[in-house]
C-alpha cells in the first residue's frame, strides 16, 4: 500500500491531486470514505483543532487506522491547522500521518523557528510523519463569507514569494508547503472565490523544491483547480463545501420528517450529500469528469 509521501509523489507525477477533506463527525467520515472507495482513489482526512477536540484526538487515529488496516486502503489522517507546537506534537504522538503548523500570522522568523521544532519532533518519533508549513495568511474560518477575510493576502505584493518559500523550506525542513496565492479560507456566499495566481504557484514550486498544498479550496473555480494541480499542488483541501452540504441535507431531513427521532435515519441524507460533494471534487482533481 502506498504511503502518503508516495501517493503525493505519484499524483504530482501524473498531474492530478489527492483530495483532503475535513470532517467533524462519523457521518462526514462515511461520506468521504464512500466516495474515495467507490472511485478507488487515495484520500486524506483532515481534522482541525476544533474538529479533533470534538471527535477525540486518539479516536480520530483509531477510526482512520481501522479503515486503512481493515480494508488495506490508502486513507490518511492529517492534523489540520495547529496553531501551537504543542498541538502538533500531540497529533504526532497520537499517531497522525501528517501535521500542519500554521504560523501564517507570525513573523517569518518565528514561523520558521516553531515549524522547525515541529519537524524535529516528527523526525524523532520513529515513523514517517509528513510536516506541512504555512506561509502567507489566507484567513482562518471554514464558513460562508460575505466578504474576503480581513488581512488575507489578495494581491501580488502580499502573496507568498518564491524567495521566502525557498528560505522557509530550507530552514525548516518541511515536507509540504501551503502558500498564499489568491486562495482564501471559507467560501464567498454570492460569488466564486478569487482566481488563483497560477504563475506564482509554478514559481513557488520550483523555488521551494517540495509539493505545494492548496488550502481554502471550497469555492475555487474549477479551471483554477485544474491549473493549480498541474502547476505543482498535488494536495487540495476542501472543508466549507462539505459543511454546507451537511447542513442543507440535515435541514431538509428535519423538514421532511419532523417526527423522526432516530439519528442514523436523520443523518442518511447528510452522508449522501457529503459523498456526492466529495465525489465531484475527486473526479475533478483526478481528471475523471
C-alpha atoms as a PDB file:
ATOM      1  CA  UNK A   1       0.000   0.000   0.000  1.00  0.00           C
ATOM      2  CA  UNK A   2       1.224   3.482  -0.823  1.00  0.00           C
ATOM      3  CA  UNK A   3       2.470   5.766   1.915  1.00  0.00           C
ATOM      4  CA  UNK A   4       1.178   9.332   1.936  1.00  0.00           C
ATOM      5  CA  UNK A   5       4.512  10.590   0.624  1.00  0.00           C
ATOM      6  CA  UNK A   6       4.402   8.070  -2.219  1.00  0.00           C
ATOM      7  CA  UNK A   7       0.785   8.880  -3.022  1.00  0.00           C
ATOM      8  CA  UNK A   8       1.590  12.590  -3.283  1.00  0.00           C
ATOM      9  CA  UNK A   9       4.647  11.955  -5.462  1.00  0.00           C
ATOM     10  CA  UNK A  10       2.621   9.729  -7.765  1.00  0.00           C
ATOM     11  CA  UNK A  11      -0.184  12.278  -8.002  1.00  0.00           C
ATOM     12  CA  UNK A  12       2.177  15.115  -8.873  1.00  0.00           C
ATOM     13  CA  UNK A  13       3.923  12.985 -11.478  1.00  0.00           C
ATOM     14  CA  UNK A  14       0.578  12.282 -13.146  1.00  0.00           C
ATOM     15  CA  UNK A  15      -0.687  15.861 -12.879  1.00  0.00           C
ATOM     16  CA  UNK A  16      -3.537  15.013 -10.508  1.00  0.00           C
ATOM     17  CA  UNK A  17      -4.186  15.628  -6.810  1.00  0.00           C
ATOM     18  CA  UNK A  18      -5.239  13.901  -3.636  1.00  0.00           C
ATOM     19  CA  UNK A  19      -8.330  15.318  -2.021  1.00  0.00           C
ATOM     20  CA  UNK A  20      -8.049  16.426   1.602  1.00  0.00           C
ATOM     21  CA  UNK A  21     -11.493  16.574   3.202  1.00  0.00           C
ATOM     22  CA  UNK A  22     -12.228  17.845   6.697  1.00  0.00           C
ATOM     23  CA  UNK A  23     -14.696  16.006   8.898  1.00  0.00           C
ATOM     24  CA  UNK A  24     -16.323  16.788  12.238  1.00  0.00           C
ATOM     25  CA  UNK A  25     -18.176  13.535  12.873  1.00  0.00           C
ATOM     26  CA  UNK A  26     -18.639   9.924  11.790  1.00  0.00           C
ATOM     27  CA  UNK A  27     -21.184  10.935   9.139  1.00  0.00           C
ATOM     28  CA  UNK A  28     -18.585  13.109   7.447  1.00  0.00           C
ATOM     29  CA  UNK A  29     -16.072  10.284   7.512  1.00  0.00           C
ATOM     30  CA  UNK A  30     -18.545   7.825   5.995  1.00  0.00           C
ATOM     31  CA  UNK A  31     -19.415  10.265   3.215  1.00  0.00           C
ATOM     32  CA  UNK A  32     -15.791  10.904   2.240  1.00  0.00           C
ATOM     33  CA  UNK A  33     -14.802   7.262   2.640  1.00  0.00           C
ATOM     34  CA  UNK A  34     -17.683   6.033   0.476  1.00  0.00           C
ATOM     35  CA  UNK A  35     -16.714   8.435  -2.310  1.00  0.00           C
ATOM     36  CA  UNK A  36     -12.997   7.632  -2.271  1.00  0.00           C
ATOM     37  CA  UNK A  37     -13.516   3.878  -2.119  1.00  0.00           C
ATOM     38  CA  UNK A  38     -16.038   3.912  -4.982  1.00  0.00           C
ATOM     39  CA  UNK A  39     -13.515   5.756  -7.168  1.00  0.00           C
ATOM     40  CA  UNK A  40     -10.581   3.675  -5.870  1.00  0.00           C
ATOM     41  CA  UNK A  41      -8.602   6.810  -5.020  1.00  0.00           C
ATOM     42  CA  UNK A  42      -6.346   7.570  -2.038  1.00  0.00           C
ATOM     43  CA  UNK A  43      -7.742  10.214   0.266  1.00  0.00           C
ATOM     44  CA  UNK A  44      -6.689  12.383   3.202  1.00  0.00           C
ATOM     45  CA  UNK A  45      -8.999  13.051   6.128  1.00  0.00           C
ATOM     46  CA  UNK A  46      -8.343  16.372   7.847  1.00  0.00           C
ATOM     47  CA  UNK A  47      -9.337  17.428  11.342  1.00  0.00           C
ATOM     48  CA  UNK A  48      -8.726  20.935  12.654  1.00  0.00           C
ATOM     49  CA  UNK A  49      -8.011  21.616  16.316  1.00  0.00           C
ATOM     50  CA  UNK A  50     -11.723  22.077  16.970  1.00  0.00           C
ATOM     51  CA  UNK A  51     -12.717  19.039  14.929  1.00  0.00           C
ATOM     52  CA  UNK A  52     -10.265  16.717  16.622  1.00  0.00           C
ATOM     53  CA  UNK A  53     -11.254  18.037  20.041  1.00  0.00           C
ATOM     54  CA  UNK A  54     -14.880  17.224  19.207  1.00  0.00           C
ATOM     55  CA  UNK A  55     -14.154  13.719  17.885  1.00  0.00           C
ATOM     56  CA  UNK A  56     -11.225  12.973  20.186  1.00  0.00           C
ATOM     57  CA  UNK A  57      -7.574  13.084  19.129  1.00  0.00           C
ATOM     58  CA  UNK A  58      -6.875   9.386  19.594  1.00  0.00           C
ATOM     59  CA  UNK A  59     -10.347   8.465  18.399  1.00  0.00           C
ATOM     60  CA  UNK A  60      -9.542  10.142  15.051  1.00  0.00           C
ATOM     61  CA  UNK A  61      -6.482   7.924  14.739  1.00  0.00           C
ATOM     62  CA  UNK A  62      -8.421   4.796  15.676  1.00  0.00           C
ATOM     63  CA  UNK A  63     -11.126   5.494  13.088  1.00  0.00           C
ATOM     64  CA  UNK A  64      -8.715   6.013  10.187  1.00  0.00           C
ATOM     65  CA  UNK A  65      -6.483   3.140  11.253  1.00  0.00           C
ATOM     66  CA  UNK A  66      -9.461   0.783  11.326  1.00  0.00           C
ATOM     67  CA  UNK A  67     -10.375   1.677   7.729  1.00  0.00           C
ATOM     68  CA  UNK A  68      -6.807   1.588   6.433  1.00  0.00           C
ATOM     69  CA  UNK A  69      -5.873  -1.694   8.036  1.00  0.00           C
ATOM     70  CA  UNK A  70      -9.260  -3.356   7.726  1.00  0.00           C
ATOM     71  CA  UNK A  71      -9.573  -2.577   4.016  1.00  0.00           C
ATOM     72  CA  UNK A  72      -5.851  -2.287   3.173  1.00  0.00           C
ATOM     73  CA  UNK A  73      -6.727   1.112   1.735  1.00  0.00           C
ATOM     74  CA  UNK A  74      -4.655   4.312   1.356  1.00  0.00           C
ATOM     75  CA  UNK A  75      -6.653   6.609   3.614  1.00  0.00           C
ATOM     76  CA  UNK A  76      -4.567   9.039   5.678  1.00  0.00           C
ATOM     77  CA  UNK A  77      -5.093  11.366   8.632  1.00  0.00           C
ATOM     78  CA  UNK A  78      -3.879  14.947   8.864  1.00  0.00           C
ATOM     79  CA  UNK A  79      -3.896  17.283  11.865  1.00  0.00           C
ATOM     80  CA  UNK A  80      -5.060  20.369  10.023  1.00  0.00           C
ATOM     81  CA  UNK A  81      -4.122  23.903  11.143  1.00  0.00           C
ATOM     82  CA  UNK A  82      -2.461  23.556  14.521  1.00  0.00           C
ATOM     83  CA  UNK A  83      -1.552  26.944  15.949  1.00  0.00           C
ATOM     84  CA  UNK A  84       0.905  25.767  18.591  1.00  0.00           C
ATOM     85  CA  UNK A  85       3.871  23.425  18.626  1.00  0.00           C
ATOM     86  CA  UNK A  86       2.213  21.566  21.497  1.00  0.00           C
ATOM     87  CA  UNK A  87      -0.849  20.686  19.428  1.00  0.00           C
ATOM     88  CA  UNK A  88       1.366  19.465  16.598  1.00  0.00           C
ATOM     89  CA  UNK A  89       3.348  17.257  18.968  1.00  0.00           C
ATOM     90  CA  UNK A  90       0.116  15.915  20.446  1.00  0.00           C
ATOM     91  CA  UNK A  91      -1.056  14.795  16.999  1.00  0.00           C
ATOM     92  CA  UNK A  92       2.301  13.245  16.108  1.00  0.00           C
ATOM     93  CA  UNK A  93       2.407  11.313  19.374  1.00  0.00           C
ATOM     94  CA  UNK A  94      -1.186  10.145  18.881  1.00  0.00           C
ATOM     95  CA  UNK A  95      -0.364   8.578  15.503  1.00  0.00           C
ATOM     96  CA  UNK A  96      -1.382  11.073  12.813  1.00  0.00           C
ATOM     97  CA  UNK A  97       0.128  10.586   9.351  1.00  0.00           C
ATOM     98  CA  UNK A  98       0.648  14.293   8.734  1.00  0.00           C
ATOM     99  CA  UNK A  99       0.508  17.566  10.644  1.00  0.00           C
ATOM    100  CA  UNK A 100       0.325  21.256   9.819  1.00  0.00           C
ATOM    101  CA  UNK A 101       1.816  24.003  11.895  1.00  0.00           C
ATOM    102  CA  UNK A 102       0.020  27.191  10.898  1.00  0.00           C
ATOM    103  CA  UNK A 103       2.276  30.121  11.677  1.00  0.00           C
ATOM    104  CA  UNK A 104       0.979  32.237   8.827  1.00  0.00           C
ATOM    105  CA  UNK A 105       0.168  35.169  11.123  1.00  0.00           C
ATOM    106  CA  UNK A 106       3.532  35.068  12.877  1.00  0.00           C
ATOM    107  CA  UNK A 107       6.651  36.998  11.892  1.00  0.00           C
ATOM    108  CA  UNK A 108       8.643  34.931   9.395  1.00  0.00           C
ATOM    109  CA  UNK A 109      11.496  34.170  11.793  1.00  0.00           C
ATOM    110  CA  UNK A 110       9.100  32.918  14.484  1.00  0.00           C
ATOM    111  CA  UNK A 111       7.146  30.883  11.961  1.00  0.00           C
ATOM    112  CA  UNK A 112      10.384  29.252  10.809  1.00  0.00           C
ATOM    113  CA  UNK A 113      11.558  28.544  14.351  1.00  0.00           C
ATOM    114  CA  UNK A 114       8.324  26.936  15.511  1.00  0.00           C
ATOM    115  CA  UNK A 115       7.845  24.972  12.308  1.00  0.00           C
ATOM    116  CA  UNK A 116      11.403  23.658  12.648  1.00  0.00           C
ATOM    117  CA  UNK A 117      10.557  22.443  16.170  1.00  0.00           C
ATOM    118  CA  UNK A 118       7.603  20.527  14.735  1.00  0.00           C
ATOM    119  CA  UNK A 119       9.774  18.939  12.060  1.00  0.00           C
ATOM    120  CA  UNK A 120      12.339  17.873  14.659  1.00  0.00           C
ATOM    121  CA  UNK A 121       9.668  16.183  16.759  1.00  0.00           C
ATOM    122  CA  UNK A 122       8.261  14.375  13.720  1.00  0.00           C
ATOM    123  CA  UNK A 123      11.684  13.101  12.659  1.00  0.00           C
ATOM    124  CA  UNK A 124      12.334  11.741  16.143  1.00  0.00           C
ATOM    125  CA  UNK A 125       9.006   9.910  16.554  1.00  0.00           C
ATOM    126  CA  UNK A 126      10.143   6.654  14.981  1.00  0.00           C
ATOM    127  CA  UNK A 127       7.798   6.621  11.985  1.00  0.00           C
ATOM    128  CA  UNK A 128       7.177   8.757   8.913  1.00  0.00           C
ATOM    129  CA  UNK A 129       5.031  11.803   9.624  1.00  0.00           C
ATOM    130  CA  UNK A 130       4.805  14.499   6.975  1.00  0.00           C
ATOM    131  CA  UNK A 131       5.050  18.059   8.241  1.00  0.00           C
ATOM    132  CA  UNK A 132       3.467  20.970   6.404  1.00  0.00           C
ATOM    133  CA  UNK A 133       4.216  24.620   6.962  1.00  0.00           C
ATOM    134  CA  UNK A 134       2.060  27.595   6.039  1.00  0.00           C
ATOM    135  CA  UNK A 135       3.467  30.775   4.581  1.00  0.00           C
ATOM    136  CA  UNK A 136       1.055  33.613   3.842  1.00  0.00           C
ATOM    137  CA  UNK A 137      -2.222  34.418   5.593  1.00  0.00           C
ATOM    138  CA  UNK A 138      -5.491  33.418   3.884  1.00  0.00           C
ATOM    139  CA  UNK A 139      -7.956  33.694   6.780  1.00  0.00           C
ATOM    140  CA  UNK A 140      -8.954  31.053   9.315  1.00  0.00           C
ATOM    141  CA  UNK A 141     -12.635  30.123   9.248  1.00  0.00           C
ATOM    142  CA  UNK A 142     -14.183  27.459   7.039  1.00  0.00           C
ATOM    143  CA  UNK A 143     -17.567  29.154   6.723  1.00  0.00           C
ATOM    144  CA  UNK A 144     -19.713  31.135   4.316  1.00  0.00           C
ATOM    145  CA  UNK A 145     -18.424  34.681   3.910  1.00  0.00           C
ATOM    146  CA  UNK A 146     -19.988  37.980   2.874  1.00  0.00           C
ATOM    147  CA  UNK A 147     -16.575  39.485   2.114  1.00  0.00           C
ATOM    148  CA  UNK A 148     -12.971  38.378   1.812  1.00  0.00           C
ATOM    149  CA  UNK A 149     -11.268  37.542   5.156  1.00  0.00           C
ATOM    150  CA  UNK A 150      -9.733  40.628   6.738  1.00  0.00           C
ATOM    151  CA  UNK A 151      -5.980  40.693   6.257  1.00  0.00           C
ATOM    152  CA  UNK A 152      -5.881  37.808   3.788  1.00  0.00           C
ATOM    153  CA  UNK A 153      -3.301  38.087   1.011  1.00  0.00           C
ATOM    154  CA  UNK A 154      -5.155  39.202  -2.108  1.00  0.00           C
ATOM    155  CA  UNK A 155      -2.612  40.789  -4.431  1.00  0.00           C
ATOM    156  CA  UNK A 156       0.802  40.041  -5.875  1.00  0.00           C
ATOM    157  CA  UNK A 157       2.557  42.150  -3.252  1.00  0.00           C
ATOM    158  CA  UNK A 158       1.062  40.157  -0.360  1.00  0.00           C
ATOM    159  CA  UNK A 159       1.188  36.669  -1.884  1.00  0.00           C
ATOM    160  CA  UNK A 160       3.876  34.219  -0.778  1.00  0.00           C
ATOM    161  CA  UNK A 161       7.061  34.913  -2.724  1.00  0.00           C
ATOM    162  CA  UNK A 162       9.262  32.213  -4.257  1.00  0.00           C
ATOM    163  CA  UNK A 163      12.246  33.626  -2.367  1.00  0.00           C
ATOM    164  CA  UNK A 164      10.518  33.394   1.029  1.00  0.00           C
ATOM    165  CA  UNK A 165       9.250  29.922   0.185  1.00  0.00           C
ATOM    166  CA  UNK A 166      12.755  28.712  -0.644  1.00  0.00           C
ATOM    167  CA  UNK A 167      14.113  30.125   2.604  1.00  0.00           C
ATOM    168  CA  UNK A 168      11.253  28.692   4.636  1.00  0.00           C
ATOM    169  CA  UNK A 169      11.681  25.156   3.302  1.00  0.00           C
ATOM    170  CA  UNK A 170      15.463  25.248   3.611  1.00  0.00           C
ATOM    171  CA  UNK A 171      15.418  26.459   7.217  1.00  0.00           C
ATOM    172  CA  UNK A 172      12.535  24.288   8.457  1.00  0.00           C
ATOM    173  CA  UNK A 173      12.892  21.040   6.508  1.00  0.00           C
ATOM    174  CA  UNK A 174       9.128  20.752   5.891  1.00  0.00           C
ATOM    175  CA  UNK A 175       7.785  18.116   3.532  1.00  0.00           C
ATOM    176  CA  UNK A 176       4.933  20.263   2.212  1.00  0.00           C
ATOM    177  CA  UNK A 177       4.209  23.963   1.905  1.00  0.00           C
ATOM    178  CA  UNK A 178       0.894  25.830   1.861  1.00  0.00           C
ATOM    179  CA  UNK A 179       1.345  29.250   0.215  1.00  0.00           C
ATOM    180  CA  UNK A 180      -0.969  32.218  -0.222  1.00  0.00           C
ATOM    181  CA  UNK A 181      -1.616  32.516  -3.956  1.00  0.00           C
ATOM    182  CA  UNK A 182      -5.091  34.077  -4.097  1.00  0.00           C
ATOM    183  CA  UNK A 183      -6.834  31.316  -2.147  1.00  0.00           C
ATOM    184  CA  UNK A 184      -8.944  32.056   0.945  1.00  0.00           C
ATOM    185  CA  UNK A 185     -10.358  30.008   3.778  1.00  0.00           C
ATOM    186  CA  UNK A 186     -14.102  29.840   3.705  1.00  0.00           C
ATOM    187  CA  UNK A 187     -16.377  30.409   0.743  1.00  0.00           C
ATOM    188  CA  UNK A 188     -17.974  33.562  -0.568  1.00  0.00           C
ATOM    189  CA  UNK A 189     -21.779  33.469  -0.420  1.00  0.00           C
ATOM    190  CA  UNK A 190     -22.560  35.317  -3.600  1.00  0.00           C
ATOM    191  CA  UNK A 191     -19.706  34.567  -5.996  1.00  0.00           C
ATOM    192  CA  UNK A 192     -16.818  32.280  -6.770  1.00  0.00           C
ATOM    193  CA  UNK A 193     -13.656  32.832  -4.769  1.00  0.00           C
ATOM    194  CA  UNK A 194     -10.854  34.919  -6.341  1.00  0.00           C
ATOM    195  CA  UNK A 195      -8.799  33.391  -9.112  1.00  0.00           C
ATOM    196  CA  UNK A 196      -5.504  31.754  -8.176  1.00  0.00           C
ATOM    197  CA  UNK A 197      -2.151  33.080  -9.379  1.00  0.00           C
ATOM    198  CA  UNK A 198      -1.047  30.053 -11.387  1.00  0.00           C
ATOM    199  CA  UNK A 199       2.276  31.519 -12.487  1.00  0.00           C
ATOM    200  CA  UNK A 200       3.079  32.250  -8.841  1.00  0.00           C
ATOM    201  CA  UNK A 201       2.292  28.638  -7.928  1.00  0.00           C
ATOM    202  CA  UNK A 202       4.721  27.390 -10.587  1.00  0.00           C
ATOM    203  CA  UNK A 203       7.459  29.731  -9.401  1.00  0.00           C
ATOM    204  CA  UNK A 204       6.985  28.777  -5.739  1.00  0.00           C
ATOM    205  CA  UNK A 205       7.006  25.053  -6.525  1.00  0.00           C
ATOM    206  CA  UNK A 206      10.259  25.401  -8.424  1.00  0.00           C
ATOM    207  CA  UNK A 207      11.896  27.518  -5.728  1.00  0.00           C
ATOM    208  CA  UNK A 208      10.651  25.552  -2.724  1.00  0.00           C
ATOM    209  CA  UNK A 209      11.508  22.104  -4.031  1.00  0.00           C
ATOM    210  CA  UNK A 210       8.617  20.418  -2.164  1.00  0.00           C
ATOM    211  CA  UNK A 211       4.998  19.739  -3.151  1.00  0.00           C
ATOM    212  CA  UNK A 212       2.556  22.571  -2.502  1.00  0.00           C
ATOM    213  CA  UNK A 213      -0.839  22.324  -0.829  1.00  0.00           C
ATOM    214  CA  UNK A 214      -3.910  24.322  -1.789  1.00  0.00           C
ATOM    215  CA  UNK A 215      -5.836  25.413   1.281  1.00  0.00           C
ATOM    216  CA  UNK A 216      -9.231  27.057   1.092  1.00  0.00           C
ATOM    217  CA  UNK A 217     -10.298  25.065  -1.942  1.00  0.00           C
ATOM    218  CA  UNK A 218     -14.049  25.467  -1.391  1.00  0.00           C
ATOM    219  CA  UNK A 219     -15.481  27.972  -3.853  1.00  0.00           C
ATOM    220  CA  UNK A 220     -12.440  27.981  -6.149  1.00  0.00           C
ATOM    221  CA  UNK A 221     -13.329  27.974  -9.869  1.00  0.00           C
ATOM    222  CA  UNK A 222     -12.916  24.521 -11.430  1.00  0.00           C
ATOM    223  CA  UNK A 223     -10.456  25.722 -14.051  1.00  0.00           C
ATOM    224  CA  UNK A 224      -8.206  27.131 -11.327  1.00  0.00           C
ATOM    225  CA  UNK A 225      -8.178  23.796  -9.520  1.00  0.00           C
ATOM    226  CA  UNK A 226      -7.015  22.030 -12.661  1.00  0.00           C
ATOM    227  CA  UNK A 227      -4.320  24.603 -13.446  1.00  0.00           C
ATOM    228  CA  UNK A 228      -3.056  24.751  -9.842  1.00  0.00           C
ATOM    229  CA  UNK A 229      -2.767  20.975  -9.628  1.00  0.00           C
ATOM    230  CA  UNK A 230      -0.727  20.821 -12.813  1.00  0.00           C
ATOM    231  CA  UNK A 231       1.451  23.691 -11.565  1.00  0.00           C
ATOM    232  CA  UNK A 232       2.590  21.726  -8.510  1.00  0.00           C
ATOM    233  CA  UNK A 233      -0.235  21.335  -5.988  1.00  0.00           C
ATOM    234  CA  UNK A 234      -0.906  17.592  -5.587  1.00  0.00           C
ATOM    235  CA  UNK A 235      -2.992  18.056  -2.412  1.00  0.00           C
ATOM    236  CA  UNK A 236      -6.182  20.137  -2.247  1.00  0.00           C
ATOM    237  CA  UNK A 237      -8.169  20.973   0.905  1.00  0.00           C
ATOM    238  CA  UNK A 238     -11.966  21.043   0.917  1.00  0.00           C
ATOM    239  CA  UNK A 239     -13.964  21.822   4.059  1.00  0.00           C
ATOM    240  CA  UNK A 240     -16.632  24.516   3.732  1.00  0.00           C
ATOM    241  CA  UNK A 241     -18.327  22.798   0.779  1.00  0.00           C
ATOM    242  CA  UNK A 242     -18.814  19.672   2.875  1.00  0.00           C
ATOM    243  CA  UNK A 243     -20.136  21.680   5.815  1.00  0.00           C
ATOM    244  CA  UNK A 244     -22.704  23.358   3.577  1.00  0.00           C
ATOM    245  CA  UNK A 245     -23.723  20.006   2.073  1.00  0.00           C
ATOM    246  CA  UNK A 246     -24.149  18.539   5.562  1.00  0.00           C
ATOM    247  CA  UNK A 247     -26.190  21.484   6.829  1.00  0.00           C
ATOM    248  CA  UNK A 248     -28.514  21.618   3.831  1.00  0.00           C
ATOM    249  CA  UNK A 249     -29.174  17.867   3.866  1.00  0.00           C
ATOM    250  CA  UNK A 250     -29.814  17.833   7.601  1.00  0.00           C
ATOM    251  CA  UNK A 251     -32.180  20.788   7.332  1.00  0.00           C
ATOM    252  CA  UNK A 252     -34.105  19.034   4.552  1.00  0.00           C
ATOM    253  CA  UNK A 253     -34.346  15.793   6.524  1.00  0.00           C
ATOM    254  CA  UNK A 254     -35.784  17.577   9.560  1.00  0.00           C
ATOM    255  CA  UNK A 255     -38.258  19.500   7.418  1.00  0.00           C
ATOM    256  CA  UNK A 256     -39.449  16.423   5.508  1.00  0.00           C
ATOM    257  CA  UNK A 257     -39.974  14.287   8.601  1.00  0.00           C
ATOM    258  CA  UNK A 258     -40.100  16.428  11.761  1.00  0.00           C
ATOM    259  CA  UNK A 259     -41.348  13.458  13.791  1.00  0.00           C
ATOM    260  CA  UNK A 260     -38.291  11.294  13.101  1.00  0.00           C
ATOM    261  CA  UNK A 261     -36.079  10.851  16.156  1.00  0.00           C
ATOM    262  CA  UNK A 262     -33.694   8.077  15.047  1.00  0.00           C
ATOM    263  CA  UNK A 263     -30.299   9.760  14.488  1.00  0.00           C
ATOM    264  CA  UNK A 264     -28.990   7.370  11.849  1.00  0.00           C
ATOM    265  CA  UNK A 265     -32.149   7.825   9.795  1.00  0.00           C
ATOM    266  CA  UNK A 266     -31.972  11.614  10.066  1.00  0.00           C
ATOM    267  CA  UNK A 267     -28.313  11.571   9.045  1.00  0.00           C
ATOM    268  CA  UNK A 268     -28.595   9.355   5.958  1.00  0.00           C
ATOM    269  CA  UNK A 269     -29.161  12.312   3.672  1.00  0.00           C
ATOM    270  CA  UNK A 270     -26.181  14.162   5.147  1.00  0.00           C
ATOM    271  CA  UNK A 271     -23.878  11.198   4.471  1.00  0.00           C
ATOM    272  CA  UNK A 272     -25.135  11.007   0.881  1.00  0.00           C
ATOM    273  CA  UNK A 273     -24.695  14.761   0.376  1.00  0.00           C
ATOM    274  CA  UNK A 274     -21.106  14.679   1.630  1.00  0.00           C
ATOM    275  CA  UNK A 275     -20.410  11.650  -0.540  1.00  0.00           C
ATOM    276  CA  UNK A 276     -21.777  13.451  -3.607  1.00  0.00           C
ATOM    277  CA  UNK A 277     -19.746  16.608  -2.931  1.00  0.00           C
ATOM    278  CA  UNK A 278     -16.587  14.575  -2.327  1.00  0.00           C
ATOM    279  CA  UNK A 279     -17.133  12.504  -5.455  1.00  0.00           C
ATOM    280  CA  UNK A 280     -17.442  15.609  -7.615  1.00  0.00           C
ATOM    281  CA  UNK A 281     -14.212  17.066  -6.259  1.00  0.00           C
ATOM    282  CA  UNK A 282     -12.258  13.821  -6.525  1.00  0.00           C
ATOM    283  CA  UNK A 283     -13.334  13.413 -10.129  1.00  0.00           C
ATOM    284  CA  UNK A 284     -12.238  16.956 -10.945  1.00  0.00           C
ATOM    285  CA  UNK A 285      -8.888  16.592  -9.151  1.00  0.00           C
ATOM    286  CA  UNK A 286      -8.195  13.330 -11.000  1.00  0.00           C
ATOM    287  CA  UNK A 287      -9.431  14.259 -14.489  1.00  0.00           C
ATOM    288  CA  UNK A 288     -12.306  11.767 -14.286  1.00  0.00           C
ATOM    289  CA  UNK A 289     -15.118  14.093 -15.403  1.00  0.00           C
END
